[in-house]
Amino acid sequence: MKFPCHKMLLLLALASSERVLACASCGSGGDDPLILYPWERWKIYTGFSHTNDFIPIDINGSPGGEFGPETKDTTLVSVGHSFSNRSFATISAPYILNKRGSSEERGWGDPMLTVRYTILQQDITDDYIPQVQVLGAVRSGRATSVYDYKNPAQLDVMGSGAAEGRAGIDVWHGMFDWKAGFAQTVTAPLESRKTDFGDVKNGTSFRSTMTIGYGWGDRGKILTGVNREQTTKKLIDSRFQANSEKLNHSVFVTADAKVDRQSLLRLTVARAAAFGLNQNTSQNQSVTFAVMRSF
């Protein structure tokens, strides 16, 4: 039986459209701002974020503390490269400006290398099949941290203080106008730090993200989501430090607008410690404008 030529051309056209694979990994919130579609070879992301209204939260969930910035401006540059229609890698580096009153400090944060592999792809033959990706990442711990700051208000703190490894899974369904995603990641320190207080090892963080949104074909989409991130207690000389665990519940809204086939604009509004119990963290709000272009 011969397959009609016009049907073959139609399938080829559909296979090259963005609806086939819909949105690549939108379930991950802001963890990985640069995501490559299978047909994209190279992609560049440049994002500008302004964060303000910092309110430190103590172990009891109450406001307290006077350290840290009043505002934070972050420029994030990320470059991605695909190896196949199922795998790609990105490297990201943030440049941070912290301000408090008339004082300010600026510098590079910790760069991060991320690799993703799609174990289940969305398919035009079955709209109900989700996209499932696994991911792994390594973040450098060389930026100034709470273990080696020199500014009295800790404005020069730009990183975690230790190299970190991350692993996770990202599930996304974007074949219909209404879309939804879920991601779960685990971030653990790969090393400890020698300090005046002893050998310190950061806790392990567990981050859950849920998103829901609506899309207008290939013109754009809007997503809203929630994050829950919990970090276990620090270890000092192999002993857990009391009251050092962290908990943060955040919300975000992201809107994407497509400029052309290669370019995308994104606006994200987020609020950290927005609801529920929060511990040893900071409440703040941020606005991020980003431009992405593929090659």
Foldseek 3Di string as FASTA:
>chain_A
DDDDPVVVVVVVVVVPFCLQQPDFQPQPPPPDPDDDAQVFFKKKKKKKKKKAPKFWAALQRDTDDDAFARMKIKIKIKMKGAPGNFKIKMKMKIWMWGHHVPDIDIGIAWIKIKMKGWPWGGGPVDLPTKIKMKMKMKTAQPQAAPQHDDDPRSRRHRYDNAIKMKIWMKIWRRNAQKIKIKIKMKIAGPAWDQHPQATKGWFIKIKIKIKIWGDDGPFKIKMKMKMWMKTAAMAGVNHGDPRRIWIKIKMKMKIWGAPDPFKIKMKMKMWINPDDGTHRGITMIMIMIMMMGGD
